[in-house]
C-alpha cells in the first residue's frame, strides 16, 4: 500500500465506509485533533518519566486510535446491511474511563491539595503535559460539536473529558516528582 493515493489532492478525504467529505469537515477536525493529541502524548512518553506513567500513556494512545476510528465513522456507515458492525474494534468502555479515574486518584493521593489554578510550566515535561491537556480539550470541544450535528458514542466525549483531567493531574504529579516549581495563579488586585 502506498502512502500517497492522490485521492485527496482536490481537498477531500474519505471517512471510514467510503463517504468523501472536505478536509475541513468537523468530523475530520475531530479525529485529526485526536491524532494530534496522540502525537503530543507520544512526546510525553518519550521523556524521562516513571515507567508506570509510560505504560498508562501507551494504553491511552491505543484508546485514542479507537476514538479516532469511531469519530472517522459516520453514523450511516456504522452498521452493514447484514446488521454487523462495520467498525470491528473494541469500543471505548466504562472500564477505559474508570481506568483513567483510578490513575488520577492514585496520583492525586500523593499530591498536596490544590488551592489555586497553576500556571503551566516549571519543567519541559510538565509543559508537554499541559500542551497535551489543551489539545485534549480542543479535541473534546470538536467531538461535542460533531455530536450535536451527528450523534457519536457519548463514551468518547466522557473519555476525552476524563483524559484532560488525567493529563492535568499527571502534570502536577510530574512537577512533584521532578521537584519543579508549581506556580500558583493568584489574581492581581489592582
N, C-alpha and C. Protein backbone atom coordinates (compact mmCIF):
# COMPACT_ATOMS: atom_id res chain seq x y z
N UNK A 1 0.84 -1.18 0.00
CA UNK A 1 0.00 0.00 0.00
C UNK A 1 0.89 1.24 0.00
N UNK A 2 0.65 2.14 -0.92
CA UNK A 2 1.42 3.38 -0.99
C UNK A 2 0.90 4.38 0.04
N UNK A 3 1.81 5.23 0.52
CA UNK A 3 1.43 6.27 1.47
C UNK A 3 0.58 7.32 0.77
N UNK A 4 0.94 7.66 -0.46
CA UNK A 4 0.17 8.68 -1.17
C UNK A 4 -0.79 8.01 -2.14
N UNK A 5 -2.03 8.51 -2.13
CA UNK A 5 -3.07 7.93 -3.00
C UNK A 5 -3.51 8.93 -4.06
N UNK A 6 -3.24 10.19 -3.84
CA UNK A 6 -3.64 11.30 -4.71
C UNK A 6 -5.14 11.56 -4.70
N UNK A 7 -5.89 10.77 -3.93
CA UNK A 7 -7.34 10.97 -3.90
C UNK A 7 -7.74 12.22 -3.11
N UNK A 8 -6.83 12.74 -2.29
CA UNK A 8 -7.14 13.94 -1.52
C UNK A 8 -6.59 15.21 -2.12
N UNK A 9 -6.07 15.13 -3.32
CA UNK A 9 -5.43 16.29 -3.93
C UNK A 9 -6.39 17.46 -4.20
N UNK A 10 -7.66 17.19 -4.24
CA UNK A 10 -8.65 18.25 -4.50
C UNK A 10 -9.32 18.74 -3.23
N UNK A 11 -8.77 18.35 -2.05
CA UNK A 11 -9.29 18.89 -0.80
C UNK A 11 -10.37 18.07 -0.12
N UNK A 12 -10.53 16.81 -0.56
CA UNK A 12 -11.49 15.93 0.12
C UNK A 12 -10.76 14.71 0.64
N UNK A 13 -11.41 14.02 1.54
CA UNK A 13 -10.85 12.78 2.08
C UNK A 13 -11.99 11.81 2.35
N UNK A 14 -11.65 10.55 2.47
CA UNK A 14 -12.68 9.52 2.70
C UNK A 14 -12.78 9.20 4.18
N UNK A 15 -14.00 9.10 4.65
CA UNK A 15 -14.27 8.62 6.00
C UNK A 15 -14.29 7.11 5.97
N UNK A 16 -14.31 6.50 7.14
CA UNK A 16 -14.43 5.04 7.22
C UNK A 16 -15.79 4.68 6.63
N UNK A 17 -15.80 3.83 5.65
CA UNK A 17 -17.04 3.47 4.95
C UNK A 17 -17.12 4.08 3.57
N UNK A 18 -16.18 5.00 3.23
CA UNK A 18 -16.08 5.48 1.87
C UNK A 18 -16.65 6.85 1.58
N UNK A 19 -17.47 7.41 2.43
CA UNK A 19 -18.04 8.73 2.19
C UNK A 19 -16.92 9.76 2.09
N UNK A 20 -16.97 10.60 1.06
CA UNK A 20 -15.95 11.65 0.89
C UNK A 20 -16.50 12.96 1.43
N UNK A 21 -15.64 13.66 2.15
CA UNK A 21 -16.01 14.96 2.73
C UNK A 21 -14.83 15.92 2.56
N UNK A 22 -15.11 17.24 2.66
CA UNK A 22 -14.00 18.20 2.62
C UNK A 22 -13.06 17.98 3.81
N UNK A 23 -11.79 18.27 3.60
CA UNK A 23 -10.81 18.05 4.66
C UNK A 23 -11.01 18.97 5.86
N UNK A 24 -11.87 19.98 5.72
CA UNK A 24 -12.16 20.87 6.84
C UNK A 24 -13.45 20.46 7.56
N UNK A 25 -14.06 19.35 7.18
CA UNK A 25 -15.30 18.86 7.80
C UNK A 25 -15.09 18.65 9.30
N UNK A 26 -16.11 18.92 10.10
CA UNK A 26 -16.00 18.81 11.55
C UNK A 26 -15.56 17.40 11.98
N UNK A 27 -15.95 16.39 11.24
CA UNK A 27 -15.55 15.02 11.58
C UNK A 27 -14.04 14.86 11.40
N UNK A 28 -13.50 15.45 10.32
CA UNK A 28 -12.06 15.39 10.07
C UNK A 28 -11.32 16.21 11.13
N UNK A 29 -11.83 17.39 11.45
CA UNK A 29 -11.22 18.21 12.51
C UNK A 29 -11.20 17.45 13.83
N UNK A 30 -12.29 16.72 14.11
CA UNK A 30 -12.38 15.97 15.37
C UNK A 30 -11.32 14.89 15.46
N UNK A 31 -11.31 13.99 14.48
CA UNK A 31 -10.34 12.89 14.62
C UNK A 31 -8.92 13.34 14.29
N UNK A 32 -8.77 14.41 13.52
CA UNK A 32 -7.44 14.96 13.28
C UNK A 32 -6.84 15.55 14.55
N UNK A 33 -7.67 16.17 15.37
CA UNK A 33 -7.20 16.73 16.63
C UNK A 33 -6.87 15.60 17.62
N UNK A 34 -7.64 14.52 17.58
CA UNK A 34 -7.31 13.35 18.41
C UNK A 34 -5.95 12.79 17.98
N UNK A 35 -5.68 12.77 16.68
CA UNK A 35 -4.38 12.30 16.19
C UNK A 35 -3.26 13.23 16.67
N UNK A 36 -3.51 14.53 16.62
CA UNK A 36 -2.53 15.50 17.13
C UNK A 36 -2.27 15.25 18.62
N UNK A 37 -3.34 15.03 19.38
CA UNK A 37 -3.22 14.73 20.80
C UNK A 37 -2.36 13.48 21.02
N UNK A 38 -2.61 12.45 20.22
CA UNK A 38 -1.86 11.21 20.34
C UNK A 38 -0.36 11.46 20.14
N UNK A 39 -0.03 12.34 19.21
CA UNK A 39 1.38 12.68 18.97
C UNK A 39 1.99 13.40 20.17
N UNK A 40 1.24 14.31 20.76
CA UNK A 40 1.73 15.00 21.95
C UNK A 40 1.93 14.03 23.11
N UNK A 41 1.04 13.07 23.23
CA UNK A 41 1.19 12.07 24.30
C UNK A 41 2.43 11.22 24.04
N UNK A 42 2.71 10.92 22.78
CA UNK A 42 3.94 10.21 22.44
C UNK A 42 5.17 11.00 22.88
N UNK A 43 5.10 12.31 22.75
CA UNK A 43 6.22 13.17 23.17
C UNK A 43 6.39 13.10 24.69
N UNK A 44 5.30 13.09 25.42
CA UNK A 44 5.40 12.96 26.89
C UNK A 44 6.03 11.61 27.23
N UNK A 45 5.56 10.57 26.55
CA UNK A 45 6.05 9.21 26.81
C UNK A 45 7.54 9.08 26.52
N UNK A 46 8.06 9.90 25.61
CA UNK A 46 9.48 9.85 25.26
C UNK A 46 10.38 10.54 26.29
N UNK A 47 9.78 11.18 27.27
CA UNK A 47 10.57 11.87 28.30
C UNK A 47 11.03 10.87 29.35
N UNK A 48 11.94 11.34 30.19
CA UNK A 48 12.44 10.52 31.30
C UNK A 48 11.43 10.57 32.44
N UNK A 49 10.43 9.70 32.35
CA UNK A 49 9.39 9.64 33.38
C UNK A 49 9.25 8.21 33.87
N UNK A 50 8.56 8.04 34.95
CA UNK A 50 8.32 6.74 35.56
C UNK A 50 7.71 5.77 34.53
N UNK A 51 8.16 4.54 34.54
CA UNK A 51 7.67 3.54 33.58
C UNK A 51 6.17 3.27 33.75
N UNK A 52 5.64 3.47 34.95
CA UNK A 52 4.19 3.31 35.15
C UNK A 52 3.43 4.34 34.32
N UNK A 53 3.89 5.59 34.34
CA UNK A 53 3.23 6.63 33.54
C UNK A 53 3.33 6.29 32.05
N UNK A 54 4.49 5.77 31.64
CA UNK A 54 4.65 5.40 30.24
C UNK A 54 3.66 4.31 29.85
N UNK A 55 3.46 3.34 30.73
CA UNK A 55 2.51 2.26 30.45
C UNK A 55 1.09 2.80 30.32
N UNK A 56 0.73 3.72 31.20
CA UNK A 56 -0.60 4.33 31.12
C UNK A 56 -0.74 5.09 29.81
N UNK A 57 0.29 5.83 29.43
CA UNK A 57 0.24 6.62 28.21
C UNK A 57 0.15 5.74 26.96
N UNK A 58 0.79 4.59 26.97
CA UNK A 58 0.66 3.65 25.84
C UNK A 58 -0.80 3.17 25.75
N UNK A 59 -1.40 2.86 26.89
CA UNK A 59 -2.81 2.46 26.91
C UNK A 59 -3.69 3.59 26.37
N UNK A 60 -3.40 4.82 26.79
CA UNK A 60 -4.15 5.97 26.31
C UNK A 60 -4.00 6.12 24.80
N UNK A 61 -2.79 5.97 24.30
CA UNK A 61 -2.58 6.09 22.86
C UNK A 61 -3.38 5.04 22.09
N UNK A 62 -3.42 3.83 22.61
CA UNK A 62 -4.23 2.78 21.99
C UNK A 62 -5.70 3.19 21.94
N UNK A 63 -6.19 3.70 23.07
CA UNK A 63 -7.60 4.11 23.15
C UNK A 63 -7.88 5.29 22.23
N UNK A 64 -6.89 6.17 22.05
CA UNK A 64 -7.09 7.31 21.15
C UNK A 64 -7.20 6.87 19.69
N UNK A 65 -6.53 5.78 19.32
CA UNK A 65 -6.73 5.25 17.98
C UNK A 65 -8.17 4.77 17.82
N UNK A 66 -8.70 4.18 18.88
CA UNK A 66 -10.10 3.74 18.85
C UNK A 66 -11.02 4.95 18.75
N UNK A 67 -10.76 5.98 19.54
CA UNK A 67 -11.56 7.20 19.48
C UNK A 67 -11.53 7.76 18.06
N UNK A 68 -10.35 7.83 17.47
CA UNK A 68 -10.22 8.33 16.10
C UNK A 68 -11.03 7.52 15.11
N UNK A 69 -10.99 6.20 15.24
CA UNK A 69 -11.75 5.34 14.33
C UNK A 69 -13.25 5.57 14.50
N UNK A 70 -13.70 5.73 15.73
CA UNK A 70 -15.12 5.99 15.98
C UNK A 70 -15.52 7.32 15.35
N UNK A 71 -14.69 8.35 15.57
CA UNK A 71 -15.00 9.67 15.02
C UNK A 71 -14.93 9.69 13.49
N UNK A 72 -14.14 8.80 12.90
CA UNK A 72 -13.99 8.74 11.44
C UNK A 72 -15.11 7.97 10.76
N UNK A 73 -16.04 7.43 11.56
CA UNK A 73 -17.11 6.61 11.00
C UNK A 73 -18.44 7.35 11.12
N UNK A 74 -19.02 7.77 9.98
CA UNK A 74 -20.32 8.44 10.06
C UNK A 74 -21.40 7.45 10.50
N UNK A 75 -22.42 7.93 11.21
CA UNK A 75 -23.45 7.04 11.76
C UNK A 75 -24.08 6.12 10.72
N UNK A 76 -24.31 6.64 9.53
CA UNK A 76 -24.96 5.83 8.49
C UNK A 76 -24.08 4.70 7.97
N UNK A 77 -22.79 4.73 8.30
CA UNK A 77 -21.86 3.69 7.84
C UNK A 77 -21.44 2.75 8.96
N UNK A 78 -21.97 2.94 10.17
CA UNK A 78 -21.55 2.12 11.30
C UNK A 78 -21.98 0.67 11.19
N UNK A 79 -23.14 0.43 10.58
CA UNK A 79 -23.68 -0.92 10.52
C UNK A 79 -23.82 -1.35 9.06
N UNK A 80 -23.37 -2.56 8.76
CA UNK A 80 -23.50 -3.12 7.42
C UNK A 80 -24.95 -3.54 7.18
N UNK A 81 -25.29 -3.81 5.93
CA UNK A 81 -26.65 -4.21 5.58
C UNK A 81 -27.09 -5.47 6.31
N UNK A 82 -26.15 -6.34 6.66
CA UNK A 82 -26.50 -7.58 7.36
C UNK A 82 -26.59 -7.38 8.87
N UNK A 83 -26.44 -6.12 9.33
CA UNK A 83 -26.58 -5.83 10.76
C UNK A 83 -25.28 -5.87 11.55
N UNK A 84 -24.18 -6.30 10.93
CA UNK A 84 -22.89 -6.35 11.63
C UNK A 84 -22.27 -4.96 11.71
N UNK A 85 -21.47 -4.78 12.76
CA UNK A 85 -20.74 -3.52 12.91
C UNK A 85 -19.67 -3.44 11.83
N UNK A 86 -19.61 -2.34 11.13
CA UNK A 86 -18.56 -2.14 10.12
C UNK A 86 -17.21 -1.96 10.82
N UNK A 87 -17.23 -1.22 11.92
CA UNK A 87 -16.01 -0.94 12.67
C UNK A 87 -15.79 -2.08 13.66
N UNK A 88 -14.93 -3.01 13.28
CA UNK A 88 -14.75 -4.24 14.06
C UNK A 88 -13.59 -4.08 15.06
N UNK A 89 -13.81 -3.17 16.03
CA UNK A 89 -12.82 -2.94 17.08
C UNK A 89 -13.57 -2.80 18.40
N UNK A 90 -12.84 -2.98 19.49
CA UNK A 90 -13.44 -2.72 20.80
C UNK A 90 -13.71 -1.24 20.93
N UNK A 91 -14.86 -0.91 21.43
CA UNK A 91 -15.25 0.49 21.63
C UNK A 91 -14.66 1.02 22.94
N UNK A 92 -14.82 2.31 23.15
CA UNK A 92 -14.46 2.89 24.44
C UNK A 92 -15.48 2.37 25.44
N UNK A 93 -14.99 1.85 26.56
CA UNK A 93 -15.88 1.25 27.55
C UNK A 93 -15.84 2.03 28.85
N UNK A 94 -16.77 1.71 29.72
CA UNK A 94 -16.75 2.29 31.07
C UNK A 94 -15.45 1.93 31.78
N UNK A 95 -14.91 0.74 31.49
CA UNK A 95 -13.63 0.33 32.10
C UNK A 95 -12.50 1.27 31.69
N UNK A 96 -12.52 1.73 30.44
CA UNK A 96 -11.48 2.66 29.98
C UNK A 96 -11.55 3.97 30.76
N UNK A 97 -12.77 4.42 31.00
CA UNK A 97 -12.97 5.67 31.74
C UNK A 97 -12.58 5.47 33.20
N UNK A 98 -12.99 4.37 33.78
CA UNK A 98 -12.64 4.07 35.18
C UNK A 98 -11.14 3.92 35.35
N UNK A 99 -10.46 3.36 34.36
CA UNK A 99 -9.00 3.22 34.42
C UNK A 99 -8.35 4.59 34.59
N UNK A 100 -8.79 5.57 33.80
CA UNK A 100 -8.24 6.92 33.94
C UNK A 100 -8.56 7.49 35.31
N UNK A 101 -9.78 7.28 35.78
CA UNK A 101 -10.16 7.79 37.09
C UNK A 101 -9.31 7.18 38.20
N UNK A 102 -9.04 5.89 38.10
CA UNK A 102 -8.20 5.23 39.11
C UNK A 102 -6.78 5.79 39.09
N UNK A 103 -6.24 6.02 37.90
CA UNK A 103 -4.89 6.58 37.78
C UNK A 103 -4.86 8.01 38.31
N UNK A 104 -5.91 8.77 38.05
CA UNK A 104 -6.00 10.13 38.59
C UNK A 104 -6.00 10.08 40.11
N UNK A 105 -6.83 9.21 40.67
CA UNK A 105 -6.95 9.11 42.13
C UNK A 105 -5.63 8.69 42.77
N UNK A 106 -4.90 7.76 42.14
CA UNK A 106 -3.60 7.32 42.69
C UNK A 106 -2.62 8.48 42.76
N UNK A 107 -2.54 9.25 41.67
CA UNK A 107 -1.60 10.37 41.64
C UNK A 107 -2.04 11.46 42.61
N UNK A 108 -3.33 11.75 42.58
CA UNK A 108 -3.85 12.83 43.40
C UNK A 108 -3.63 12.57 44.89
N UNK A 109 -3.66 11.31 45.30
CA UNK A 109 -3.45 10.95 46.71
C UNK A 109 -2.05 11.32 47.18
N UNK A 110 -1.11 11.46 46.26
CA UNK A 110 0.28 11.78 46.61
C UNK A 110 0.60 13.26 46.46
N UNK A 111 -0.40 14.06 46.11
CA UNK A 111 -0.16 15.49 45.86
C UNK A 111 -0.78 16.35 46.96
N UNK A 112 -0.18 17.52 47.19
CA UNK A 112 -0.82 18.45 48.12
C UNK A 112 -2.13 18.94 47.51
N UNK A 113 -3.10 19.29 48.35
CA UNK A 113 -4.37 19.78 47.80
C UNK A 113 -4.15 21.01 46.93
N UNK A 114 -4.96 21.12 45.91
CA UNK A 114 -4.85 22.26 45.01
C UNK A 114 -5.71 23.40 45.56
N UNK A 115 -5.09 24.53 45.80
CA UNK A 115 -5.81 25.67 46.37
C UNK A 115 -5.99 26.80 45.36
N UNK A 116 -5.25 26.75 44.26
CA UNK A 116 -5.31 27.78 43.22
C UNK A 116 -5.12 27.11 41.86
N UNK A 117 -5.48 27.84 40.82
CA UNK A 117 -5.06 27.41 39.49
C UNK A 117 -3.53 27.46 39.46
N UNK A 118 -2.93 26.65 38.59
CA UNK A 118 -1.48 26.69 38.45
C UNK A 118 -1.12 27.13 37.04
N UNK A 119 -0.03 27.86 36.96
CA UNK A 119 0.46 28.29 35.65
C UNK A 119 1.18 27.12 34.98
N UNK A 120 0.89 26.85 33.72
CA UNK A 120 1.62 25.79 33.03
C UNK A 120 3.11 26.10 33.01
N UNK A 121 3.93 25.08 33.20
CA UNK A 121 5.37 25.26 33.14
C UNK A 121 6.06 24.68 34.35
N UNK A 122 7.32 25.03 34.49
CA UNK A 122 8.12 24.56 35.61
C UNK A 122 9.15 23.52 35.20
N UNK A 123 8.84 22.79 34.15
CA UNK A 123 9.75 21.77 33.62
C UNK A 123 9.24 21.42 32.22
N UNK A 124 10.13 21.12 31.32
CA UNK A 124 9.73 20.82 29.94
C UNK A 124 8.70 19.70 29.88
N UNK A 125 8.90 18.63 30.62
CA UNK A 125 7.97 17.51 30.59
C UNK A 125 6.60 17.92 31.10
N UNK A 126 6.57 18.73 32.13
CA UNK A 126 5.31 19.23 32.67
C UNK A 126 4.61 20.09 31.61
N UNK A 127 5.37 20.92 30.93
CA UNK A 127 4.80 21.76 29.88
C UNK A 127 4.20 20.92 28.76
N UNK A 128 4.87 19.82 28.40
CA UNK A 128 4.31 18.92 27.38
C UNK A 128 2.96 18.37 27.83
N UNK A 129 2.82 18.07 29.11
CA UNK A 129 1.53 17.59 29.64
C UNK A 129 0.46 18.65 29.49
N UNK A 130 0.81 19.89 29.80
CA UNK A 130 -0.17 20.97 29.68
C UNK A 130 -0.56 21.21 28.23
N UNK A 131 0.39 21.12 27.33
CA UNK A 131 0.06 21.26 25.90
C UNK A 131 -0.89 20.14 25.48
N UNK A 132 -0.58 18.91 25.88
CA UNK A 132 -1.45 17.78 25.54
C UNK A 132 -2.84 17.97 26.15
N UNK A 133 -2.91 18.48 27.37
CA UNK A 133 -4.19 18.74 28.02
C UNK A 133 -5.02 19.74 27.21
N UNK A 134 -4.38 20.79 26.74
CA UNK A 134 -5.09 21.79 25.94
C UNK A 134 -5.57 21.21 24.61
N UNK A 135 -4.74 20.42 23.97
CA UNK A 135 -5.14 19.77 22.71
C UNK A 135 -6.29 18.80 22.99
N UNK A 136 -6.24 18.12 24.12
CA UNK A 136 -7.32 17.20 24.50
C UNK A 136 -8.63 17.96 24.68
N UNK A 137 -8.58 19.11 25.33
CA UNK A 137 -9.79 19.92 25.48
C UNK A 137 -10.33 20.37 24.14
N UNK A 138 -9.44 20.72 23.20
CA UNK A 138 -9.89 21.11 21.86
C UNK A 138 -10.53 19.92 21.16
N UNK A 139 -9.91 18.74 21.29
CA UNK A 139 -10.49 17.54 20.69
C UNK A 139 -11.88 17.28 21.28
N UNK A 140 -12.00 17.47 22.58
CA UNK A 140 -13.30 17.29 23.23
C UNK A 140 -14.33 18.28 22.69
N UNK A 141 -13.95 19.55 22.58
CA UNK A 141 -14.88 20.56 22.06
C UNK A 141 -15.34 20.21 20.65
N UNK A 142 -14.39 19.78 19.82
CA UNK A 142 -14.74 19.41 18.45
C UNK A 142 -15.64 18.18 18.41
N UNK A 143 -15.35 17.20 19.26
CA UNK A 143 -16.19 15.99 19.31
C UNK A 143 -17.59 16.33 19.80
N UNK A 144 -17.71 17.25 20.75
CA UNK A 144 -19.02 17.68 21.22
C UNK A 144 -19.78 18.38 20.08
N UNK A 145 -19.08 19.23 19.36
CA UNK A 145 -19.69 19.90 18.21
C UNK A 145 -20.18 18.86 17.18
N UNK A 146 -19.33 17.91 16.87
CA UNK A 146 -19.73 16.84 15.95
C UNK A 146 -20.94 16.10 16.48
N UNK A 147 -20.94 15.80 17.78
CA UNK A 147 -22.04 15.06 18.41
C UNK A 147 -23.36 15.81 18.27
N UNK A 148 -23.30 17.14 18.30
CA UNK A 148 -24.52 17.95 18.13
C UNK A 148 -25.06 17.85 16.71
N UNK A 149 -24.16 17.65 15.74
CA UNK A 149 -24.56 17.55 14.34
C UNK A 149 -24.96 16.11 13.98
N UNK A 150 -24.10 15.18 14.34
CA UNK A 150 -24.31 13.75 14.07
C UNK A 150 -23.97 12.99 15.35
N UNK A 151 -24.96 12.41 16.01
CA UNK A 151 -24.68 11.74 17.29
C UNK A 151 -23.52 10.76 17.20
N UNK A 152 -22.68 10.81 18.23
CA UNK A 152 -21.49 9.99 18.35
C UNK A 152 -21.58 9.22 19.66
N UNK A 153 -20.81 8.21 19.81
CA UNK A 153 -20.76 7.45 21.05
C UNK A 153 -20.40 8.41 22.19
N UNK A 154 -21.31 8.58 23.14
CA UNK A 154 -21.09 9.53 24.23
C UNK A 154 -19.92 9.15 25.12
N UNK A 155 -19.53 7.88 25.12
CA UNK A 155 -18.36 7.49 25.93
C UNK A 155 -17.09 8.11 25.38
N UNK A 156 -17.07 8.43 24.09
CA UNK A 156 -15.92 9.14 23.51
C UNK A 156 -15.80 10.51 24.17
N UNK A 157 -16.92 11.19 24.32
CA UNK A 157 -16.91 12.52 24.95
C UNK A 157 -16.45 12.43 26.40
N UNK A 158 -16.96 11.43 27.12
CA UNK A 158 -16.57 11.24 28.51
C UNK A 158 -15.09 10.90 28.61
N UNK A 159 -14.62 10.03 27.71
CA UNK A 159 -13.22 9.62 27.74
C UNK A 159 -12.30 10.84 27.53
N UNK A 160 -12.62 11.66 26.55
CA UNK A 160 -11.78 12.83 26.29
C UNK A 160 -11.80 13.80 27.47
N UNK A 161 -12.96 13.97 28.08
CA UNK A 161 -13.07 14.82 29.26
C UNK A 161 -12.19 14.29 30.39
N UNK A 162 -12.29 13.00 30.66
CA UNK A 162 -11.50 12.39 31.73
C UNK A 162 -10.02 12.41 31.41
N UNK A 163 -9.68 12.23 30.13
CA UNK A 163 -8.27 12.24 29.73
C UNK A 163 -7.65 13.61 29.98
N UNK A 164 -8.38 14.68 29.72
CA UNK A 164 -7.81 16.01 30.00
C UNK A 164 -7.58 16.18 31.50
N UNK A 165 -8.48 15.63 32.32
CA UNK A 165 -8.26 15.65 33.77
C UNK A 165 -7.01 14.85 34.13
N UNK A 166 -6.86 13.68 33.51
CA UNK A 166 -5.68 12.86 33.78
C UNK A 166 -4.40 13.62 33.43
N UNK A 167 -4.39 14.28 32.28
CA UNK A 167 -3.19 15.00 31.84
C UNK A 167 -2.87 16.16 32.78
N UNK A 168 -3.89 16.80 33.32
CA UNK A 168 -3.66 17.87 34.29
C UNK A 168 -3.03 17.31 35.57
N UNK A 169 -3.59 16.23 36.07
CA UNK A 169 -3.05 15.64 37.30
C UNK A 169 -1.66 15.06 37.04
N UNK A 170 -1.44 14.48 35.86
CA UNK A 170 -0.10 13.99 35.52
C UNK A 170 0.90 15.15 35.52
N UNK A 171 0.50 16.30 35.00
CA UNK A 171 1.40 17.47 35.02
C UNK A 171 1.75 17.84 36.45
N UNK A 172 0.75 17.85 37.32
CA UNK A 172 1.02 18.16 38.74
C UNK A 172 1.91 17.10 39.38
N UNK A 173 1.64 15.83 39.07
CA UNK A 173 2.43 14.74 39.67
C UNK A 173 3.87 14.81 39.17
N UNK A 174 4.06 15.08 37.90
CA UNK A 174 5.42 15.19 37.38
C UNK A 174 6.14 16.40 37.98
N UNK A 175 5.42 17.49 38.20
CA UNK A 175 6.02 18.65 38.89
C UNK A 175 6.53 18.21 40.25
N UNK A 176 5.71 17.44 40.93
CA UNK A 176 6.07 16.94 42.27
C UNK A 176 7.27 16.00 42.17
N UNK A 177 7.21 15.03 41.26
CA UNK A 177 8.29 14.04 41.12
C UNK A 177 9.61 14.68 40.70
N UNK A 178 9.53 15.71 39.87
CA UNK A 178 10.74 16.34 39.32
C UNK A 178 11.20 17.53 40.17
N UNK A 179 10.52 17.74 41.29
CA UNK A 179 10.83 18.89 42.15
C UNK A 179 10.78 20.20 41.38
N UNK A 180 9.84 20.29 40.45
CA UNK A 180 9.67 21.51 39.68
C UNK A 180 8.73 22.44 40.45
N UNK A 181 8.96 23.71 40.29
CA UNK A 181 8.12 24.67 40.98
C UNK A 181 6.74 24.70 40.33
N UNK A 182 5.71 24.61 41.15
CA UNK A 182 4.33 24.73 40.69
C UNK A 182 3.87 26.14 41.07
N UNK A 183 3.79 27.00 40.07
CA UNK A 183 3.48 28.41 40.32
C UNK A 183 1.96 28.57 40.36
N UNK A 184 1.48 29.04 41.49
CA UNK A 184 0.04 29.27 41.66
C UNK A 184 -0.34 30.57 40.96
N UNK A 185 -1.52 30.55 40.36
CA UNK A 185 -2.04 31.77 39.79
C UNK A 185 -2.88 32.47 40.86
N UNK A 186 -2.41 33.64 41.25
CA UNK A 186 -3.12 34.42 42.24
C UNK A 186 -3.53 35.72 41.54
N UNK A 187 -4.83 35.91 41.33
CA UNK A 187 -5.28 37.09 40.59
C UNK A 187 -4.80 38.39 41.23
N UNK A 188 -4.41 39.33 40.40
CA UNK A 188 -3.96 40.62 40.89
C UNK A 188 -5.15 41.41 41.43
N UNK A 189 -4.89 42.20 42.40
CA UNK A 189 -5.90 43.09 42.95
C UNK A 189 -5.37 44.51 42.86
N UNK A 190 -5.55 45.10 41.68
CA UNK A 190 -5.02 46.46 41.45
C UNK A 190 -5.88 47.50 42.09
